[in-house]
N, C-alpha and C. Protein backbone atom coordinates (compact mmCIF):
# COMPACT_ATOMS: atom_id res chain seq x y z
N MET A 1 2.81 -41.28 19.89
CA MET A 1 1.49 -41.73 19.20
C MET A 1 0.59 -40.28 19.34
N SER A 2 -0.08 -40.04 18.11
CA SER A 2 -0.85 -38.74 18.17
C SER A 2 -2.25 -38.78 18.87
N ARG A 3 -2.72 -37.72 19.18
CA ARG A 3 -3.93 -37.81 20.00
C ARG A 3 -5.04 -37.71 18.83
N LEU A 4 -6.26 -38.33 19.30
CA LEU A 4 -7.33 -38.39 18.34
C LEU A 4 -8.55 -37.57 19.07
N TYR A 5 -9.19 -36.72 18.27
CA TYR A 5 -10.35 -35.83 18.84
C TYR A 5 -11.57 -36.21 18.37
N CYS A 6 -12.64 -35.71 19.07
CA CYS A 6 -14.05 -35.65 18.70
C CYS A 6 -14.57 -34.29 18.52
N TYR A 7 -15.32 -33.97 17.57
CA TYR A 7 -15.80 -32.74 17.32
C TYR A 7 -17.19 -32.81 16.67
N GLU A 8 -18.07 -32.37 17.23
CA GLU A 8 -19.58 -32.35 16.76
C GLU A 8 -19.99 -33.70 16.13
N GLY A 9 -19.65 -34.78 16.86
CA GLY A 9 -20.18 -36.13 16.50
C GLY A 9 -19.08 -36.88 15.65
N GLU A 10 -17.97 -36.18 15.27
CA GLU A 10 -17.10 -36.75 14.24
C GLU A 10 -15.85 -37.18 15.32
N CYS A 11 -15.60 -38.49 15.43
CA CYS A 11 -14.68 -38.81 16.22
C CYS A 11 -13.35 -39.57 15.44
N GLY A 12 -12.26 -39.65 16.00
CA GLY A 12 -11.17 -40.31 15.53
C GLY A 12 -10.43 -39.29 14.64
N LEU A 13 -10.58 -38.06 14.75
CA LEU A 13 -9.78 -37.00 14.12
C LEU A 13 -8.52 -36.62 14.63
N SER A 14 -7.48 -36.76 13.64
CA SER A 14 -6.15 -36.22 14.14
C SER A 14 -6.10 -34.71 14.18
N ALA A 15 -5.23 -34.09 14.78
CA ALA A 15 -5.04 -32.70 14.98
C ALA A 15 -5.30 -31.86 13.72
N ASP A 16 -4.65 -32.42 12.75
CA ASP A 16 -4.64 -31.82 11.28
C ASP A 16 -6.11 -31.87 10.69
N GLN A 17 -6.66 -32.91 10.84
CA GLN A 17 -8.03 -33.07 10.37
C GLN A 17 -8.90 -32.33 10.97
N LEU A 18 -8.83 -32.24 12.35
CA LEU A 18 -9.78 -31.18 13.12
C LEU A 18 -9.49 -29.78 12.79
N TRP A 19 -8.31 -29.32 12.56
CA TRP A 19 -8.06 -28.04 12.25
C TRP A 19 -8.77 -27.58 10.89
N TRP A 20 -8.58 -28.51 9.84
CA TRP A 20 -9.18 -28.24 8.48
C TRP A 20 -10.70 -28.26 8.72
N LEU A 21 -11.30 -29.29 9.47
CA LEU A 21 -12.70 -29.29 9.62
C LEU A 21 -13.39 -28.09 10.40
N ILE A 22 -12.56 -27.53 11.23
CA ILE A 22 -12.99 -26.25 11.96
C ILE A 22 -12.85 -24.97 10.96
N VAL A 23 -11.82 -24.91 10.16
CA VAL A 23 -11.58 -23.97 9.25
C VAL A 23 -12.75 -23.82 8.26
N ILE A 24 -13.03 -25.06 7.64
CA ILE A 24 -14.02 -25.20 6.70
C ILE A 24 -15.46 -24.68 7.06
N GLU A 25 -15.70 -25.19 8.42
CA GLU A 25 -16.94 -24.86 9.07
C GLU A 25 -17.08 -23.39 9.39
N THR A 26 -15.96 -22.82 9.80
CA THR A 26 -16.04 -21.31 10.00
C THR A 26 -16.26 -20.54 8.71
N LEU A 27 -15.56 -21.00 7.76
CA LEU A 27 -15.62 -20.35 6.47
C LEU A 27 -17.08 -20.42 6.08
N MET A 28 -17.61 -21.52 6.07
CA MET A 28 -19.07 -21.66 5.75
C MET A 28 -19.99 -20.80 6.46
N GLU A 29 -19.77 -20.58 7.70
CA GLU A 29 -20.57 -19.78 8.59
C GLU A 29 -20.44 -18.28 8.32
N GLU A 30 -19.19 -17.96 7.85
CA GLU A 30 -18.95 -16.58 7.51
C GLU A 30 -19.25 -15.96 6.25
N LEU A 31 -19.42 -16.89 5.23
CA LEU A 31 -19.61 -16.56 3.80
C LEU A 31 -21.15 -15.84 3.88
N GLU A 32 -20.99 -14.83 3.33
CA GLU A 32 -22.52 -14.05 3.23
C GLU A 32 -22.62 -13.33 1.84
N ILE A 33 -23.53 -12.71 1.54
CA ILE A 33 -23.77 -11.85 0.40
C ILE A 33 -22.64 -10.81 0.18
N THR A 34 -22.10 -10.32 1.35
CA THR A 34 -21.11 -9.42 1.33
C THR A 34 -19.88 -10.08 0.62
N ASP A 35 -19.57 -11.16 0.90
CA ASP A 35 -18.45 -11.89 0.30
C ASP A 35 -18.55 -12.11 -1.33
N VAL A 36 -19.85 -12.34 -1.65
CA VAL A 36 -20.08 -12.43 -3.14
C VAL A 36 -20.02 -11.03 -3.92
N ALA A 37 -20.40 -10.09 -3.05
CA ALA A 37 -20.25 -8.65 -3.63
C ALA A 37 -18.69 -8.39 -3.80
N ALA A 38 -17.91 -8.73 -2.84
CA ALA A 38 -16.48 -8.46 -2.85
C ALA A 38 -15.85 -9.40 -4.09
N ALA A 39 -16.26 -10.53 -4.13
CA ALA A 39 -15.78 -11.34 -5.42
C ALA A 39 -16.26 -10.58 -6.70
N ILE A 40 -17.37 -10.00 -6.80
CA ILE A 40 -17.84 -9.24 -8.03
C ILE A 40 -17.00 -8.07 -8.24
N ALA A 41 -16.68 -7.29 -7.13
CA ALA A 41 -15.83 -6.13 -7.24
C ALA A 41 -14.34 -6.51 -7.81
N ILE A 42 -13.93 -7.61 -7.32
CA ILE A 42 -12.63 -8.06 -7.74
C ILE A 42 -12.62 -8.48 -9.09
N ALA A 43 -13.65 -9.33 -9.57
CA ALA A 43 -13.71 -9.67 -10.92
C ALA A 43 -14.00 -8.52 -11.93
N SER A 44 -14.76 -7.47 -11.42
CA SER A 44 -15.10 -6.37 -12.36
C SER A 44 -13.94 -5.54 -12.64
N GLY A 45 -12.77 -5.65 -11.88
CA GLY A 45 -11.54 -4.95 -11.92
C GLY A 45 -10.71 -5.61 -13.01
N ALA A 46 -10.94 -6.76 -13.60
CA ALA A 46 -10.15 -7.40 -14.48
C ALA A 46 -10.11 -6.67 -15.77
N ASN A 47 -8.87 -6.39 -16.53
CA ASN A 47 -8.77 -5.74 -17.77
C ASN A 47 -9.30 -6.67 -18.83
N ILE A 48 -10.52 -6.78 -19.22
CA ILE A 48 -10.90 -7.66 -20.05
C ILE A 48 -11.70 -7.05 -21.37
N VAL A 49 -11.99 -5.75 -21.23
CA VAL A 49 -12.79 -4.99 -22.14
C VAL A 49 -11.82 -4.35 -23.23
N PRO A 50 -11.83 -4.60 -24.54
CA PRO A 50 -11.03 -3.92 -25.43
C PRO A 50 -11.12 -2.48 -25.58
N THR A 51 -10.21 -1.70 -25.79
CA THR A 51 -10.20 -0.19 -25.79
C THR A 51 -9.57 0.23 -27.04
N ARG A 52 -9.57 1.58 -27.42
CA ARG A 52 -8.99 2.28 -28.49
C ARG A 52 -7.42 1.98 -28.03
N ALA A 53 -6.67 2.58 -29.06
CA ALA A 53 -5.35 2.58 -28.92
C ALA A 53 -4.74 3.24 -27.72
N LYS A 54 -3.86 2.88 -26.99
CA LYS A 54 -3.40 3.67 -25.76
C LYS A 54 -2.02 4.03 -25.80
N PRO A 55 -1.43 4.97 -25.14
CA PRO A 55 -0.03 5.38 -25.17
C PRO A 55 0.79 4.10 -24.75
N GLN A 56 1.92 4.30 -25.26
CA GLN A 56 2.93 3.16 -24.76
C GLN A 56 3.06 3.24 -23.21
N GLY A 57 3.07 2.17 -22.63
CA GLY A 57 3.35 2.00 -21.11
C GLY A 57 2.02 1.91 -20.46
N ALA A 58 0.95 2.09 -21.14
CA ALA A 58 -0.38 2.22 -20.57
C ALA A 58 -0.83 0.54 -20.36
N VAL A 59 -1.68 0.26 -19.44
CA VAL A 59 -2.18 -1.08 -19.20
C VAL A 59 -3.16 -1.39 -20.38
N PRO A 60 -3.13 -2.51 -21.21
CA PRO A 60 -3.71 -2.76 -22.21
C PRO A 60 -5.14 -3.19 -21.66
N ARG A 61 -6.15 -2.86 -22.56
CA ARG A 61 -7.62 -3.09 -22.33
C ARG A 61 -8.14 -2.31 -20.90
N THR A 62 -9.25 -2.33 -20.74
CA THR A 62 -9.90 -1.66 -19.48
C THR A 62 -10.84 -2.56 -18.76
N SER A 63 -11.32 -2.27 -17.54
CA SER A 63 -12.12 -3.00 -16.80
C SER A 63 -13.56 -2.65 -16.93
N ILE A 64 -14.59 -3.49 -16.65
CA ILE A 64 -15.98 -3.22 -16.48
C ILE A 64 -16.09 -2.25 -15.46
N ALA A 65 -15.52 -2.23 -14.28
CA ALA A 65 -15.63 -1.19 -13.13
C ALA A 65 -15.29 0.07 -13.65
N SER A 66 -14.26 0.12 -14.51
CA SER A 66 -13.79 1.39 -14.94
C SER A 66 -14.78 1.98 -15.89
N VAL A 67 -15.31 1.31 -16.87
CA VAL A 67 -16.23 1.64 -17.90
C VAL A 67 -17.46 2.15 -17.32
N LEU A 68 -17.99 1.51 -16.38
CA LEU A 68 -19.26 1.99 -15.72
C LEU A 68 -18.95 3.12 -14.82
N ALA A 69 -17.97 3.03 -14.13
CA ALA A 69 -17.69 4.46 -13.18
C ALA A 69 -17.43 5.58 -14.04
N ARG A 70 -16.87 5.42 -15.22
CA ARG A 70 -16.48 6.65 -16.09
C ARG A 70 -17.84 7.20 -16.66
N ARG A 71 -18.70 6.26 -17.09
CA ARG A 71 -20.01 6.63 -17.56
C ARG A 71 -20.80 7.36 -16.47
N LEU A 72 -20.92 6.89 -15.29
CA LEU A 72 -21.66 7.48 -14.27
C LEU A 72 -20.96 8.77 -13.83
N ALA A 73 -19.95 8.96 -13.72
CA ALA A 73 -19.23 10.23 -13.37
C ALA A 73 -19.10 11.26 -14.36
N ARG A 74 -19.34 10.74 -15.63
CA ARG A 74 -19.16 11.74 -16.86
C ARG A 74 -17.70 12.35 -16.91
N LYS A 75 -17.47 13.64 -16.82
CA LYS A 75 -16.34 14.10 -16.88
C LYS A 75 -15.86 14.94 -15.75
N ARG A 76 -16.52 14.67 -14.53
CA ARG A 76 -16.15 15.37 -13.34
C ARG A 76 -14.84 15.04 -12.92
N ARG A 77 -14.24 16.01 -12.21
CA ARG A 77 -12.87 16.12 -11.85
C ARG A 77 -12.63 16.60 -10.51
N PHE A 78 -11.63 16.05 -9.72
CA PHE A 78 -11.33 16.66 -8.47
C PHE A 78 -10.26 17.79 -8.78
N PRO A 79 -10.28 18.78 -7.91
CA PRO A 79 -9.31 19.90 -8.14
C PRO A 79 -7.75 19.47 -7.99
N PHE A 80 -7.60 18.34 -7.42
CA PHE A 80 -6.25 17.70 -7.26
C PHE A 80 -6.06 16.32 -7.72
N ARG A 81 -4.97 15.82 -7.85
CA ARG A 81 -4.66 14.53 -8.38
C ARG A 81 -4.62 13.46 -7.17
N VAL A 82 -5.02 12.27 -7.66
CA VAL A 82 -4.97 11.27 -6.53
C VAL A 82 -4.32 10.01 -6.98
N PRO A 83 -3.45 9.36 -6.09
CA PRO A 83 -2.92 8.21 -6.52
C PRO A 83 -4.05 6.95 -6.59
N THR A 84 -3.83 5.99 -7.68
CA THR A 84 -4.65 4.95 -7.96
C THR A 84 -3.82 3.82 -8.26
N LEU A 85 -4.28 2.63 -7.93
CA LEU A 85 -3.56 1.29 -8.46
C LEU A 85 -4.20 0.99 -9.75
N THR A 86 -3.16 0.55 -10.69
CA THR A 86 -3.74 -0.11 -11.98
C THR A 86 -2.95 -1.42 -12.27
N GLY A 87 -3.57 -2.36 -12.91
CA GLY A 87 -3.11 -3.52 -13.08
C GLY A 87 -3.04 -4.48 -12.04
N PHE A 88 -2.85 -5.78 -12.20
CA PHE A 88 -2.75 -6.74 -11.10
C PHE A 88 -1.32 -7.32 -10.83
N PHE A 89 -0.60 -7.66 -11.94
CA PHE A 89 0.72 -8.28 -11.82
C PHE A 89 1.71 -7.74 -12.61
N PRO A 90 2.56 -6.78 -12.04
CA PRO A 90 2.43 -6.30 -10.87
C PRO A 90 1.57 -4.85 -10.84
N PRO A 91 0.97 -4.53 -9.70
CA PRO A 91 0.18 -3.31 -9.81
C PRO A 91 1.15 -2.12 -9.89
N SER A 92 0.66 -1.01 -10.41
CA SER A 92 1.52 0.15 -10.41
C SER A 92 0.62 1.50 -9.91
N ILE A 93 1.10 2.44 -9.44
CA ILE A 93 0.38 3.58 -9.25
C ILE A 93 0.51 4.77 -10.13
N ARG A 94 -0.81 5.17 -10.52
CA ARG A 94 -1.19 6.21 -11.44
C ARG A 94 -1.85 7.31 -10.80
N MET A 95 -1.44 8.68 -11.08
CA MET A 95 -2.12 9.70 -10.62
C MET A 95 -3.24 10.22 -11.67
N THR A 96 -4.50 10.50 -11.07
CA THR A 96 -5.45 11.06 -11.93
C THR A 96 -6.29 12.03 -11.07
N SER A 97 -7.13 12.82 -11.63
CA SER A 97 -8.04 13.73 -11.00
C SER A 97 -9.49 13.53 -11.56
N LYS A 98 -9.63 12.47 -12.41
CA LYS A 98 -10.92 12.06 -12.93
C LYS A 98 -11.72 11.29 -11.86
N VAL A 99 -12.96 11.69 -11.51
CA VAL A 99 -13.80 10.93 -10.57
C VAL A 99 -14.08 9.55 -11.04
N GLY A 100 -14.40 9.41 -12.19
CA GLY A 100 -14.82 8.11 -12.78
C GLY A 100 -13.56 7.04 -12.81
N THR A 101 -12.52 7.58 -13.10
CA THR A 101 -11.30 6.82 -13.21
C THR A 101 -10.91 6.29 -11.76
N ILE A 102 -10.99 7.34 -10.76
CA ILE A 102 -10.53 6.87 -9.27
C ILE A 102 -11.53 5.84 -8.86
N ALA A 103 -13.06 6.10 -9.09
CA ALA A 103 -13.90 5.12 -8.65
C ALA A 103 -13.72 3.67 -9.37
N GLY A 104 -13.60 3.68 -10.58
CA GLY A 104 -13.25 2.29 -11.39
C GLY A 104 -12.07 1.78 -10.92
N ARG A 105 -11.09 2.44 -10.57
CA ARG A 105 -9.77 1.77 -10.06
C ARG A 105 -10.02 1.28 -8.60
N ALA A 106 -10.77 2.10 -7.91
CA ALA A 106 -10.92 1.66 -6.32
C ALA A 106 -11.86 0.57 -6.16
N ILE A 107 -12.91 0.17 -6.97
CA ILE A 107 -13.76 -0.88 -6.71
C ILE A 107 -13.11 -2.11 -6.50
N PRO A 108 -12.11 -2.69 -7.30
CA PRO A 108 -11.52 -3.97 -7.17
C PRO A 108 -10.56 -3.85 -5.84
N VAL A 109 -9.99 -2.83 -5.41
CA VAL A 109 -9.22 -2.55 -4.41
C VAL A 109 -9.94 -2.85 -2.99
N PHE A 110 -11.15 -2.38 -3.02
CA PHE A 110 -12.08 -2.47 -1.93
C PHE A 110 -12.41 -3.94 -1.90
N GLY A 111 -12.57 -4.60 -2.93
CA GLY A 111 -13.00 -6.17 -3.12
C GLY A 111 -11.79 -7.00 -2.41
N TRP A 112 -10.49 -6.54 -2.82
CA TRP A 112 -9.41 -7.31 -2.17
C TRP A 112 -9.24 -7.01 -0.71
N VAL A 113 -9.42 -5.87 -0.36
CA VAL A 113 -9.38 -5.42 1.07
C VAL A 113 -10.41 -6.24 2.01
N TYR A 114 -11.70 -6.22 1.42
CA TYR A 114 -12.76 -6.92 2.11
C TYR A 114 -12.51 -8.38 2.32
N THR A 115 -11.99 -8.90 1.12
CA THR A 115 -11.67 -10.31 1.07
C THR A 115 -10.51 -10.77 2.07
N ALA A 116 -9.46 -9.94 2.09
CA ALA A 116 -8.48 -10.11 3.00
C ALA A 116 -8.87 -10.06 4.52
N TYR A 117 -9.72 -9.01 4.73
CA TYR A 117 -10.44 -8.91 6.13
C TYR A 117 -11.11 -10.19 6.66
N GLU A 118 -12.05 -10.59 5.63
CA GLU A 118 -12.70 -11.85 5.88
C GLU A 118 -11.83 -13.20 6.16
N LEU A 119 -10.93 -13.27 5.33
CA LEU A 119 -10.00 -14.54 5.54
C LEU A 119 -9.23 -14.31 6.87
N GLY A 120 -8.87 -13.11 7.28
CA GLY A 120 -8.19 -13.01 8.49
C GLY A 120 -9.03 -13.32 9.70
N LYS A 121 -10.51 -12.88 9.50
CA LYS A 121 -11.47 -13.14 10.53
C LYS A 121 -11.71 -14.75 10.62
N VAL A 122 -11.71 -15.24 9.49
CA VAL A 122 -11.98 -16.67 9.50
C VAL A 122 -10.78 -17.62 10.23
N ALA A 123 -9.62 -17.00 9.99
CA ALA A 123 -8.34 -17.66 10.64
C ALA A 123 -8.39 -17.39 11.95
N VAL A 124 -8.72 -16.13 12.53
CA VAL A 124 -8.69 -16.02 13.94
C VAL A 124 -9.80 -16.77 14.73
N LEU A 125 -11.06 -16.90 14.06
CA LEU A 125 -12.14 -17.65 14.77
C LEU A 125 -11.75 -19.05 14.69
N SER A 126 -11.21 -19.49 13.59
CA SER A 126 -10.87 -20.95 13.51
C SER A 126 -9.76 -21.36 14.58
N ALA A 127 -8.97 -20.53 14.81
CA ALA A 127 -7.85 -20.71 15.75
C ALA A 127 -8.35 -20.87 17.14
N LYS A 128 -9.41 -19.90 17.43
CA LYS A 128 -9.98 -19.89 18.86
C LYS A 128 -10.60 -21.14 19.08
N LYS A 129 -11.50 -21.67 17.99
CA LYS A 129 -12.31 -22.76 18.18
C LYS A 129 -11.45 -23.93 18.46
N TYR A 130 -10.33 -24.03 17.63
CA TYR A 130 -9.41 -25.18 17.57
C TYR A 130 -8.78 -25.27 18.95
N ASN A 131 -8.23 -24.06 19.34
CA ASN A 131 -7.52 -24.17 20.54
C ASN A 131 -8.44 -24.45 21.88
N ALA A 132 -9.71 -24.25 21.57
CA ALA A 132 -10.64 -24.67 22.77
C ALA A 132 -10.88 -25.95 22.79
N VAL A 133 -10.71 -26.81 21.76
CA VAL A 133 -11.04 -28.28 21.67
C VAL A 133 -9.92 -29.17 21.92
N VAL A 134 -8.57 -28.67 21.52
CA VAL A 134 -7.36 -29.65 21.40
C VAL A 134 -6.62 -29.44 22.76
N ASP A 135 -5.70 -30.32 22.89
CA ASP A 135 -4.74 -30.58 24.07
C ASP A 135 -3.81 -29.14 23.85
N VAL A 136 -3.05 -28.81 24.88
CA VAL A 136 -2.18 -27.73 24.95
C VAL A 136 -1.12 -27.90 23.78
N SER A 137 -0.63 -29.11 23.72
CA SER A 137 0.42 -29.43 22.98
C SER A 137 0.16 -29.28 21.57
N ASP A 138 -1.14 -29.39 21.15
CA ASP A 138 -1.58 -29.33 19.59
C ASP A 138 -2.00 -27.80 19.31
N GLN A 139 -2.10 -27.03 20.26
CA GLN A 139 -2.69 -25.76 20.04
C GLN A 139 -1.86 -24.85 19.01
N VAL A 140 -2.44 -23.89 18.29
CA VAL A 140 -1.87 -22.96 17.41
C VAL A 140 -1.73 -21.56 18.11
N PHE A 141 -0.76 -20.90 17.58
CA PHE A 141 -0.60 -19.53 18.04
C PHE A 141 -0.54 -19.54 19.62
């Protein structure tokens, strides 16, 4: 027979139902404007803007982040080449020294990294809350 739990006024919850209730509650507590900014950064990296003809093997189209970063940086260059990620599925690494290109390709990467950090934080906080409420046999990690 499975145990039933009460959590913040909700009674009769199975261990699975309690887990998801805590995860959703923690996610709602952690969502902030920075998460919206991360989502915008990820979306701005999508290759949706049509471009001129490109060499064979290049990723078709370009992103809003890339267009804006190139306009802001104009034709500034680093004295060395830097590896950058291009494309989503599968991503590839391209070398460039152009400041605008580097910034445009880095914006969605920062969005993905921040989102991964936030999801990891939600998972850890949820597990701590859950383990504090449930019986030892139902604990995770």
